[in-house]
Amino acid sequence: MPHPLRKILAGLLPAWVAVFAVTAAAQTAPQLLRVSYHSAALNAERDYFVYLPRGFDQQDKWPVMLFLHGNGERGDGKGELDYVLKHGPLFEAWAQKRDLPFVIISPQMPMHDQGEVSYIKNRTRAEIPQRMAEGIHPYPPHYTGRDPMEGQLSAELPANRINIESNPRGWNVLADEVMSQLDRVMAEYKGDPQRVYLTGISLGGFGTWYLASKHPEKFAAIAPVVGYGVPAMAAPIAEAKLPLWVFAGGRDAGVPVRHFYPLLNELEKLGHPDVRFTIEADMGHDTWIRTYAGEDLYRWFLSHSK
């Protein structure tokens, strides 16, 4: 005859299993957090996004990806922060529900004097992708550009790009704050210092080059997308042998392929051993859609550690 206690334990077992399953599910669900900070550059309180991947509680250390958005996603760091969800790895992880195994940091640039730029002035919150209870948000249509596909030779950089460090509207303005955000997330959200990656699109691509040239020791690999740098940035990146994968759109009239070569050639001249350059010849400025929708970049990131 079964012992009475055994009967009680047998009866409780399904409940324990159910509680454990619910607890495990709660621990493993992806999260999108808003983290507040005081911006010294703007003398204002602002927020940035931190994405925690599925299973965050079950792992001691996580790879960290810092993503810098483009010009069109600027905002006040509060009610307009959601615009940074439109593109890049955060769009893939949150709106597309892809289980990217990274803690993702996504800050927001202030508006500065860009509020009257047409694609910012005319944007609406309807453009912001949401994480849907069922299904996923559709991808935006590709804009392939109007120019024919053809190779472009190296050329001198436009004069307004030579002094990229003094751009009053660029990521250089918030560089110290962004690095402080990275340090905070590393400390508070189990970041692995050996696996920190940097990527950005358009204006954020320029910012990726800038931060990498100032802090090459921080990153295991970087990926500027449709954003080039200047030859003056080459030395610290080459000295650190920082792996980089650069993406450009062959039909991108705004950030043409030819402007990527001066820095890339300088890196090669300095003996940088790990430079990868991909030109999506059929794509325009929104080359980032294809870049982040695939698997190759994320796998490449994870193949590198310091």
Protein backbone atom coordinates (compact mmCIF):
# COMPACT_ATOMS: atom_id res chain seq x y z
CA MET A 1 0.00 0.00 0.00
CA PRO A 2 1.56 3.37 -1.00
CA HIS A 3 2.69 5.56 1.84
CA PRO A 4 0.30 8.55 2.36
CA LEU A 5 3.19 11.00 1.95
CA ARG A 6 4.06 9.44 -1.40
CA LYS A 7 0.49 10.03 -2.54
CA ILE A 8 0.68 13.67 -1.50
CA LEU A 9 4.01 14.17 -3.30
CA ALA A 10 2.68 12.48 -6.42
CA GLY A 11 -0.29 14.81 -6.37
CA LEU A 12 1.90 17.87 -6.01
CA LEU A 13 4.32 16.90 -8.78
CA PRO A 14 2.20 18.18 -11.71
CA ALA A 15 1.75 21.51 -9.92
CA TRP A 16 5.49 21.82 -9.34
CA VAL A 17 6.17 21.05 -12.99
CA ALA A 18 3.64 23.68 -14.06
CA VAL A 19 5.11 26.30 -11.73
CA PHE A 20 8.62 25.50 -12.95
CA ALA A 21 7.51 25.78 -16.59
CA VAL A 22 5.86 29.15 -16.00
CA THR A 23 8.91 30.43 -14.10
CA ALA A 24 11.27 29.22 -16.83
CA ALA A 25 9.15 30.88 -19.51
CA ALA A 26 9.16 34.15 -17.58
CA GLN A 27 12.93 33.99 -17.21
CA THR A 28 13.60 33.23 -20.85
CA ALA A 29 11.28 35.72 -22.57
CA PRO A 30 13.08 38.51 -24.48
CA GLN A 31 12.78 41.97 -22.93
CA LEU A 32 13.05 45.50 -24.32
CA LEU A 33 14.07 47.90 -21.56
CA ARG A 34 14.25 51.68 -21.46
CA VAL A 35 17.22 52.88 -19.43
CA SER A 36 17.28 56.51 -18.31
CA TYR A 37 20.37 58.68 -17.99
CA HIS A 38 21.26 62.36 -17.75
CA SER A 39 22.78 63.72 -20.94
CA ALA A 40 25.57 66.11 -20.07
CA ALA A 41 25.81 67.21 -23.71
CA LEU A 42 22.13 68.20 -23.78
CA ASN A 43 21.50 68.84 -20.07
CA ALA A 44 18.40 66.68 -20.21
CA GLU A 45 17.15 63.28 -19.11
CA ARG A 46 16.99 60.82 -21.98
CA ASP A 47 16.46 57.09 -22.47
CA TYR A 48 18.09 54.40 -24.56
CA PHE A 49 16.96 50.87 -25.37
CA VAL A 50 18.53 47.71 -23.98
CA TYR A 51 17.34 44.42 -25.46
CA LEU A 52 17.80 41.30 -23.33
CA PRO A 53 17.69 38.05 -25.32
CA ARG A 54 15.72 34.91 -24.64
CA GLY A 55 17.31 32.94 -21.81
CA PHE A 56 19.09 35.98 -20.39
CA ASP A 57 18.73 34.69 -16.81
CA GLN A 58 20.22 31.30 -17.67
CA GLN A 59 23.63 32.55 -18.82
CA ASP A 60 26.39 34.34 -16.91
CA LYS A 61 27.87 36.38 -19.76
CA TRP A 62 26.38 37.65 -23.01
CA PRO A 63 27.79 39.14 -26.21
CA VAL A 64 26.92 42.83 -26.45
CA MET A 65 26.07 44.71 -29.65
CA LEU A 66 26.00 48.52 -29.77
CA PHE A 67 23.83 49.81 -32.62
CA LEU A 68 23.90 53.41 -33.92
CA HIS A 69 20.88 54.48 -35.98
CA GLY A 70 20.80 56.73 -39.05
CA ASN A 71 19.81 60.36 -39.49
CA GLY A 72 16.09 59.67 -39.87
CA GLU A 73 15.66 58.09 -36.43
CA ARG A 74 16.72 61.09 -34.33
CA GLY A 75 14.50 62.19 -31.47
CA ASP A 76 14.06 63.44 -27.93
CA GLY A 77 15.18 60.21 -26.26
CA LYS A 78 11.76 59.87 -24.64
CA GLY A 79 8.50 59.75 -26.60
CA GLU A 80 10.40 59.59 -29.90
CA LEU A 81 12.82 56.85 -28.84
CA ASP A 82 10.66 54.23 -30.57
CA TYR A 83 11.86 55.49 -33.96
CA VAL A 84 15.14 53.62 -33.43
CA LEU A 85 13.14 50.38 -33.71
CA LYS A 86 12.64 50.96 -37.44
CA HIS A 87 15.89 49.42 -38.68
CA GLY A 88 18.81 47.23 -37.75
CA PRO A 89 19.38 44.44 -35.25
CA LEU A 90 16.82 45.81 -32.78
CA PHE A 91 14.14 45.66 -35.49
CA GLU A 92 15.17 42.07 -36.22
CA ALA A 93 15.24 40.98 -32.57
CA TRP A 94 12.12 42.78 -31.36
CA ALA A 95 9.70 43.33 -34.26
CA GLN A 96 10.79 40.24 -36.21
CA LYS A 97 11.02 38.10 -33.04
CA ARG A 98 14.36 36.65 -34.03
CA ASP A 99 16.27 35.12 -31.14
CA LEU A 100 19.51 37.02 -31.67
CA PRO A 101 21.88 35.96 -28.86
CA PHE A 102 23.08 39.45 -27.97
CA VAL A 103 22.37 42.14 -25.43
CA ILE A 104 21.65 45.05 -27.79
CA ILE A 105 22.16 48.71 -26.86
CA SER A 106 20.43 51.34 -29.01
CA PRO A 107 20.80 55.02 -28.05
CA GLN A 108 19.19 57.94 -29.90
CA MET A 109 20.74 61.05 -31.39
CA PRO A 110 19.03 64.38 -30.60
CA MET A 111 17.30 66.32 -33.34
CA HIS A 112 19.83 69.20 -33.49
CA ASP A 113 18.83 71.21 -36.59
CA GLN A 114 17.46 68.27 -38.59
CA GLY A 115 13.78 68.67 -37.74
CA GLU A 116 12.93 70.24 -41.10
CA VAL A 117 14.59 67.50 -43.16
CA SER A 118 11.71 66.08 -45.20
CA TYR A 119 12.00 62.43 -44.17
CA ILE A 120 12.08 63.47 -40.50
CA LYS A 121 9.46 66.21 -40.71
CA ASN A 122 6.99 63.92 -42.50
CA ARG A 123 7.54 60.76 -40.48
CA THR A 124 4.67 59.38 -38.37
CA ARG A 125 4.40 56.92 -35.52
CA ALA A 126 2.60 54.57 -37.88
CA GLU A 127 6.04 53.81 -39.34
CA ILE A 128 7.30 52.40 -36.03
CA PRO A 129 7.23 48.58 -36.06
CA GLN A 130 5.55 46.89 -33.12
CA ARG A 131 6.11 43.50 -31.55
CA MET A 132 2.86 41.76 -32.44
CA ALA A 133 1.12 39.21 -30.23
CA GLU A 134 0.69 36.98 -33.27
CA GLY A 135 2.90 37.00 -36.34
CA ILE A 136 5.63 39.50 -37.16
CA HIS A 137 5.85 42.99 -38.57
CA PRO A 138 6.40 42.99 -42.36
CA TYR A 139 9.67 44.24 -43.78
CA PRO A 140 9.57 47.65 -45.47
CA PRO A 141 9.90 47.57 -49.27
CA HIS A 142 13.42 47.79 -50.66
CA TYR A 143 14.48 51.00 -52.33
CA THR A 144 16.98 49.92 -54.95
CA GLY A 145 18.02 53.37 -56.14
CA ARG A 146 17.80 54.87 -59.60
CA ASP A 147 21.42 54.64 -60.69
CA PRO A 148 22.64 51.81 -62.93
CA MET A 149 24.79 49.08 -61.44
CA GLU A 150 28.40 49.86 -62.28
CA GLY A 151 31.77 49.85 -60.59
CA GLN A 152 32.95 53.12 -59.12
CA LEU A 153 36.58 54.14 -58.84
CA SER A 154 38.15 55.62 -55.74
CA ALA A 155 37.77 59.38 -55.43
CA GLU A 156 38.60 62.17 -53.06
CA LEU A 157 36.23 62.51 -50.14
CA PRO A 158 33.78 65.42 -50.21
CA ALA A 159 35.11 68.38 -48.26
CA ASN A 160 32.31 68.25 -45.70
CA ARG A 161 33.38 64.75 -44.66
CA ILE A 162 37.08 65.40 -44.07
CA ASN A 163 36.53 66.92 -40.62
CA ILE A 164 34.11 64.25 -39.49
CA GLU A 165 35.26 64.63 -35.87
CA SER A 166 33.86 68.15 -35.71
CA ASN A 167 30.43 67.32 -37.14
CA PRO A 168 28.00 69.26 -34.90
CA ARG A 169 25.18 66.82 -35.72
CA GLY A 170 27.02 63.48 -35.63
CA TRP A 171 27.52 60.67 -33.16
CA ASN A 172 30.83 62.26 -32.18
CA VAL A 173 28.79 64.76 -30.13
CA LEU A 174 27.47 61.97 -27.89
CA ALA A 175 30.52 59.70 -28.08
CA ASP A 176 31.41 59.94 -24.38
CA GLU A 177 27.81 59.33 -23.33
CA VAL A 178 27.43 56.34 -25.63
CA MET A 179 30.60 54.77 -24.24
CA SER A 180 29.31 55.38 -20.71
CA GLN A 181 26.06 53.64 -21.66
CA LEU A 182 28.08 50.71 -22.98
CA ASP A 183 30.06 50.48 -19.72
CA ARG A 184 26.86 50.63 -17.66
CA VAL A 185 25.17 47.89 -19.66
CA MET A 186 28.30 45.74 -19.48
CA ALA A 187 28.26 46.03 -15.69
CA GLU A 188 24.52 45.70 -15.07
CA TYR A 189 23.44 43.23 -17.77
CA LYS A 190 26.14 40.55 -17.74
CA GLY A 191 28.09 41.77 -20.75
CA ASP A 192 31.06 39.71 -21.91
CA PRO A 193 34.02 42.12 -22.35
CA GLN A 194 35.60 39.71 -24.83
CA ARG A 195 32.58 39.87 -27.16
CA VAL A 196 31.50 43.47 -27.69
CA TYR A 197 30.45 44.43 -31.23
CA LEU A 198 29.67 47.75 -32.88
CA THR A 199 27.51 48.42 -35.93
CA GLY A 200 25.48 51.29 -37.34
CA ILE A 201 23.70 52.52 -40.47
CA SER A 202 24.25 55.67 -42.53
CA LEU A 203 24.99 58.39 -39.95
CA GLY A 204 25.46 55.53 -37.51
CA GLY A 205 27.91 53.95 -39.95
CA PHE A 206 30.01 57.09 -39.75
CA GLY A 207 29.60 56.90 -35.97
CA THR A 208 30.78 53.30 -36.00
CA TRP A 209 34.03 54.30 -37.67
CA TYR A 210 34.42 57.19 -35.25
CA LEU A 211 33.91 55.19 -32.04
CA ALA A 212 36.09 52.35 -33.32
CA SER A 213 38.94 54.76 -34.08
CA LYS A 214 38.68 56.30 -30.61
CA HIS A 215 38.15 53.07 -28.65
CA PRO A 216 39.47 50.16 -30.74
CA GLU A 217 40.33 48.21 -27.59
CA LYS A 218 36.65 48.01 -26.60
CA PHE A 219 35.39 46.01 -29.56
CA ALA A 220 35.91 42.49 -30.84
CA ALA A 221 34.61 43.42 -34.33
CA ILE A 222 32.73 46.24 -36.08
CA ALA A 223 30.39 46.54 -39.07
CA PRO A 224 29.72 50.00 -40.55
CA VAL A 225 26.75 49.84 -42.96
CA VAL A 226 26.36 52.48 -45.72
CA GLY A 227 28.68 54.82 -43.84
CA TYR A 228 32.35 55.49 -44.62
CA GLY A 229 35.18 56.95 -42.59
CA VAL A 230 38.25 59.06 -43.33
CA PRO A 231 41.89 57.94 -43.69
CA ALA A 232 42.86 59.68 -40.43
CA MET A 233 40.88 56.99 -38.60
CA ALA A 234 42.95 54.13 -40.02
CA ALA A 235 45.98 54.00 -37.72
CA PRO A 236 44.34 53.04 -34.40
CA ILE A 237 42.03 50.53 -36.10
CA ALA A 238 44.91 48.92 -37.99
CA GLU A 239 47.17 48.88 -34.93
CA ALA A 240 44.47 47.07 -32.94
CA LYS A 241 43.86 44.68 -35.87
CA LEU A 242 40.17 45.27 -35.24
CA PRO A 243 38.16 42.96 -37.54
CA LEU A 244 35.73 44.89 -39.71
CA TRP A 245 33.06 44.12 -42.25
CA VAL A 246 31.92 47.11 -44.28
CA PHE A 247 28.72 47.23 -46.34
CA ALA A 248 27.78 49.62 -49.16
CA GLY A 249 24.96 49.86 -51.69
CA GLY A 250 26.03 49.92 -55.32
CA ARG A 251 23.13 52.25 -56.19
CA ASP A 252 23.46 54.47 -53.13
CA ALA A 253 23.70 58.00 -54.52
CA GLY A 254 23.77 59.59 -51.06
CA VAL A 255 26.68 57.53 -49.71
CA PRO A 256 28.41 56.38 -52.91
CA VAL A 257 30.73 53.40 -52.99
CA ARG A 258 33.66 55.47 -54.24
CA HIS A 259 33.91 57.31 -50.91
CA PHE A 260 34.62 54.09 -49.01
CA TYR A 261 37.93 53.39 -50.73
CA PRO A 262 40.25 56.07 -49.26
CA LEU A 263 39.98 54.67 -45.72
CA LEU A 264 39.87 51.03 -46.81
CA ASN A 265 42.97 51.49 -48.96
CA GLU A 266 44.73 53.23 -46.07
CA LEU A 267 43.91 50.31 -43.77
CA GLU A 268 45.33 47.91 -46.34
CA LYS A 269 48.44 50.06 -46.71
CA LEU A 270 48.95 49.86 -42.94
CA GLY A 271 48.77 46.07 -43.07
CA HIS A 272 45.37 45.55 -41.48
CA PRO A 273 44.81 41.78 -41.72
CA ASP A 274 41.02 41.57 -41.43
CA VAL A 275 39.13 43.96 -43.73
CA ARG A 276 36.01 42.69 -45.47
CA PHE A 277 34.07 44.92 -47.90
CA THR A 278 30.71 43.89 -49.35
CA ILE A 279 29.00 45.92 -52.07
CA GLU A 280 25.36 45.05 -52.63
CA ALA A 281 25.43 46.18 -56.25
CA ASP A 282 21.66 46.05 -56.74
CA MET A 283 20.80 47.93 -53.53
CA GLY A 284 20.39 51.61 -52.69
CA HIS A 285 20.84 53.34 -49.35
CA ASP A 286 18.70 50.85 -47.44
CA THR A 287 21.26 48.09 -47.93
CA TRP A 288 20.89 47.57 -44.18
CA ILE A 289 17.61 45.67 -44.71
CA ARG A 290 19.44 42.83 -46.42
CA THR A 291 22.47 43.08 -44.13
CA TYR A 292 20.59 42.63 -40.86
CA ALA A 293 17.87 40.31 -42.22
CA GLY A 294 20.44 37.63 -42.99
CA GLU A 295 22.44 35.43 -40.64
CA ASP A 296 25.97 36.03 -41.91
CA LEU A 297 26.77 39.22 -39.98
CA TYR A 298 25.63 37.82 -36.63
CA ARG A 299 27.59 34.61 -37.17
CA TRP A 300 30.63 36.62 -38.20
CA PHE A 301 30.37 38.75 -35.07
CA LEU A 302 30.17 35.68 -32.84
CA SER A 303 33.20 34.14 -34.56
CA HIS A 304 35.31 36.98 -33.16
CA SER A 305 36.37 37.57 -29.58
CA LYS A 306 39.27 39.45 -28.08
